[in-house]
Amino acid sequence: MPEVENKADIKENDQQARPEWGSKWEFMFTCVAYAVGLGNVWRFPYLAYKNGGGAFLIPYTVMLLFVGMPLFYMEIAFGQYASLSPVSIWKCSPIFKGLGMALVYIEGSIALYYSVIIAYIMHFLFASMRSEVPWANCDNDWNTVNCSVNDSAAAENQTVYTPSQEYF
């Protein structure tokens, strides 16, 4: 009679092998690329200025050190240890399953947001490569009667919009 394998060995053999990091440096660079994205570089100076400039940096740094970094470390350590998805990792505590769903929803929303930003960038990049940019004159379909290239209508107390104001 053949010997019965341990249940853990059977479960381990049934699962597909998950990919692993090639080196510690590959993992570190991936974490940095995940943490520092377009939003950090693009929007942070604006948000810092809008929320008080230099005075904003003090609570931001405190929250980053005592909340942001520990949570980021916990997420990475927990994910690397368990090698599970954000939803299935919370099987250990079912009350937090909604947290995993929320993480997936937030990441999907951010991906959609960045896709729209990149689409706008590509649109304006290619529009600016034309021989005459579409926002240079008032001869387009979207222009109104209030479109004016010069300021002659402004002297007559009319509301005047430039072609670029109407385009954007």
Protein backbone atom coordinates (compact mmCIF):
# COMPACT_ATOMS: atom_id res chain seq x y z
CA MET A 1 0.00 0.00 0.00
CA PRO A 2 1.47 3.39 -0.98
CA GLU A 3 2.40 5.81 1.74
CA VAL A 4 0.00 8.77 2.16
CA GLU A 5 1.65 12.16 1.87
CA ASN A 6 1.27 14.88 4.44
CA LYS A 7 -1.73 17.19 3.74
CA ALA A 8 0.57 20.23 3.67
CA ASP A 9 2.74 18.58 0.99
CA ILE A 10 -0.34 17.82 -1.13
CA LYS A 11 -1.57 21.42 -0.82
CA GLU A 12 1.88 22.75 -1.67
CA ASN A 13 2.12 20.55 -4.78
CA ASP A 14 -1.37 21.56 -5.99
CA GLN A 15 -0.66 25.28 -5.94
CA GLN A 16 1.13 26.87 -8.84
CA ALA A 17 4.56 28.20 -8.09
CA ARG A 18 4.42 31.94 -7.56
CA PRO A 19 7.15 34.09 -9.08
CA GLU A 20 9.79 35.41 -6.72
CA TRP A 21 12.08 38.44 -6.82
CA GLY A 22 15.38 37.97 -8.63
CA SER A 23 17.33 39.89 -5.99
CA LYS A 24 16.89 42.23 -3.04
CA TRP A 25 17.71 45.19 -5.29
CA GLU A 26 14.94 44.27 -7.72
CA PHE A 27 12.49 44.23 -4.82
CA MET A 28 13.75 47.57 -3.44
CA PHE A 29 13.55 49.34 -6.82
CA THR A 30 10.05 47.99 -7.35
CA CYS A 31 8.96 49.30 -3.94
CA VAL A 32 10.41 52.74 -4.69
CA ALA A 33 8.70 52.80 -8.10
CA TYR A 34 5.40 51.81 -6.44
CA ALA A 35 5.70 54.45 -3.69
CA VAL A 36 7.00 57.37 -5.78
CA GLY A 37 4.73 57.89 -8.73
CA LEU A 38 3.46 60.66 -10.94
CA GLY A 39 1.22 62.01 -8.18
CA ASN A 40 4.10 62.48 -5.77
CA VAL A 41 6.24 64.38 -8.23
CA TRP A 42 3.50 66.33 -9.96
CA ARG A 43 0.95 67.20 -7.28
CA PHE A 44 2.97 67.40 -4.07
CA PRO A 45 4.37 70.93 -4.61
CA TYR A 46 0.89 72.19 -5.46
CA LEU A 47 -0.69 70.51 -2.43
CA ALA A 48 2.08 71.75 -0.14
CA TYR A 49 1.56 75.32 -1.36
CA LYS A 50 -2.24 75.08 -1.15
CA ASN A 51 -2.15 73.71 2.42
CA GLY A 52 0.21 76.22 3.98
CA GLY A 53 3.61 75.90 2.33
CA GLY A 54 6.44 75.15 4.75
CA ALA A 55 4.05 74.87 7.72
CA PHE A 56 2.37 71.95 5.93
CA LEU A 57 5.64 70.02 5.81
CA ILE A 58 5.82 69.59 9.62
CA PRO A 59 2.55 67.61 10.08
CA TYR A 60 3.16 65.89 6.74
CA THR A 61 6.57 64.64 7.89
CA VAL A 62 5.22 63.55 11.29
CA MET A 63 2.35 61.60 9.70
CA LEU A 64 4.69 60.12 7.11
CA LEU A 65 7.10 58.84 9.77
CA PHE A 66 4.56 57.58 12.31
CA VAL A 67 1.69 56.41 10.09
CA GLY A 68 2.62 56.21 6.41
CA MET A 69 5.94 54.38 6.59
CA PRO A 70 4.84 51.79 9.20
CA LEU A 71 1.67 50.99 7.22
CA PHE A 72 3.64 50.75 3.99
CA TYR A 73 6.15 48.44 5.69
CA MET A 74 3.33 46.33 7.16
CA GLU A 75 1.66 45.99 3.76
CA ILE A 76 4.91 44.94 2.09
CA ALA A 77 5.96 42.56 4.87
CA PHE A 78 2.52 40.98 5.13
CA GLY A 79 2.25 40.56 1.35
CA GLN A 80 5.76 39.15 0.96
CA TYR A 81 5.31 36.73 3.87
CA ALA A 82 1.95 35.36 2.76
CA SER A 83 2.42 35.68 -1.05
CA LEU A 84 -1.30 36.27 -1.46
CA SER A 85 -3.45 38.92 -3.14
CA PRO A 86 -4.76 41.95 -1.21
CA VAL A 87 -8.20 40.33 -0.93
CA SER A 88 -7.23 36.78 0.00
CA ILE A 89 -4.54 37.79 2.49
CA TRP A 90 -7.19 38.83 4.99
CA LYS A 91 -8.47 35.26 5.44
CA CYS A 92 -6.63 35.37 8.75
CA SER A 93 -9.07 38.04 9.97
CA PRO A 94 -12.33 38.06 7.97
CA ILE A 95 -13.41 41.39 9.44
CA PHE A 96 -10.67 43.05 7.34
CA LYS A 97 -11.72 41.48 4.04
CA GLY A 98 -13.35 44.80 3.12
CA LEU A 99 -9.95 46.44 3.54
CA GLY A 100 -8.54 44.21 0.80
CA MET A 101 -11.47 45.04 -1.46
CA ALA A 102 -10.95 48.75 -0.75
CA LEU A 103 -7.27 48.47 -1.67
CA VAL A 104 -8.13 46.88 -5.01
CA TYR A 105 -10.79 49.54 -5.69
CA ILE A 106 -8.40 52.39 -4.82
CA GLU A 107 -5.63 50.98 -7.00
CA GLY A 108 -8.07 50.59 -9.89
CA SER A 109 -9.30 54.17 -9.46
CA ILE A 110 -5.73 55.49 -9.43
CA ALA A 111 -4.91 53.49 -12.56
CA LEU A 112 -7.95 54.99 -14.31
CA TYR A 113 -7.02 58.50 -13.13
CA TYR A 114 -3.45 58.20 -14.41
CA SER A 115 -4.66 56.72 -17.71
CA VAL A 116 -6.82 59.79 -18.29
CA ILE A 117 -3.91 62.10 -17.46
CA ILE A 118 -1.62 60.24 -19.85
CA ALA A 119 -4.33 60.36 -22.56
CA TYR A 120 -4.56 64.16 -22.15
CA ILE A 121 -0.78 64.46 -22.33
CA MET A 122 -0.67 62.38 -25.51
CA HIS A 123 -3.54 64.36 -27.07
CA PHE A 124 -1.90 67.73 -26.45
CA LEU A 125 1.54 66.44 -27.42
CA PHE A 126 0.31 65.34 -30.85
CA ALA A 127 -1.96 68.38 -31.25
CA SER A 128 1.04 70.65 -30.67
CA MET A 129 3.02 68.92 -33.43
CA ARG A 130 0.68 70.16 -36.15
CA SER A 131 1.81 72.98 -38.42
CA GLU A 132 -0.80 75.26 -36.83
CA VAL A 133 -2.00 74.46 -33.34
CA PRO A 134 -5.79 74.24 -33.02
CA TRP A 135 -5.92 76.90 -30.30
CA ALA A 136 -4.19 79.58 -32.43
CA ASN A 137 -7.24 81.04 -34.22
CA CYS A 138 -11.01 81.39 -34.04
CA ASP A 139 -11.83 79.42 -37.19
CA ASN A 140 -12.69 76.16 -35.44
CA ASP A 141 -16.02 74.38 -34.79
CA TRP A 142 -15.88 74.88 -31.03
CA ASN A 143 -15.26 78.65 -31.11
CA THR A 144 -18.10 80.98 -30.12
CA VAL A 145 -18.95 84.47 -31.32
CA ASN A 146 -17.06 85.83 -28.31
CA CYS A 147 -13.77 84.44 -29.63
CA SER A 148 -11.23 87.08 -30.55
CA VAL A 149 -7.54 86.93 -31.36
CA ASN A 150 -7.01 90.62 -30.59
CA ASP A 151 -8.38 92.79 -27.78
CA SER A 152 -10.50 95.12 -29.95
CA ALA A 153 -13.76 93.71 -28.59
CA ALA A 154 -12.59 94.21 -25.00
CA ALA A 155 -12.59 97.97 -25.59
CA GLU A 156 -16.30 97.76 -26.45
CA ASN A 157 -17.13 96.23 -23.01
CA GLN A 158 -17.84 92.76 -24.41
CA THR A 159 -16.77 89.52 -22.85
CA VAL A 160 -13.95 88.23 -25.00
CA TYR A 161 -12.27 84.85 -24.93
CA THR A 162 -9.04 83.93 -26.63
CA PRO A 163 -8.93 80.83 -28.84
CA SER A 164 -6.82 79.02 -26.26
CA GLN A 165 -9.34 79.80 -23.49
CA GLU A 166 -12.13 78.31 -25.58
CA TYR A 167 -10.06 75.27 -26.55
CA PHE A 168 -9.07 74.38 -23.01
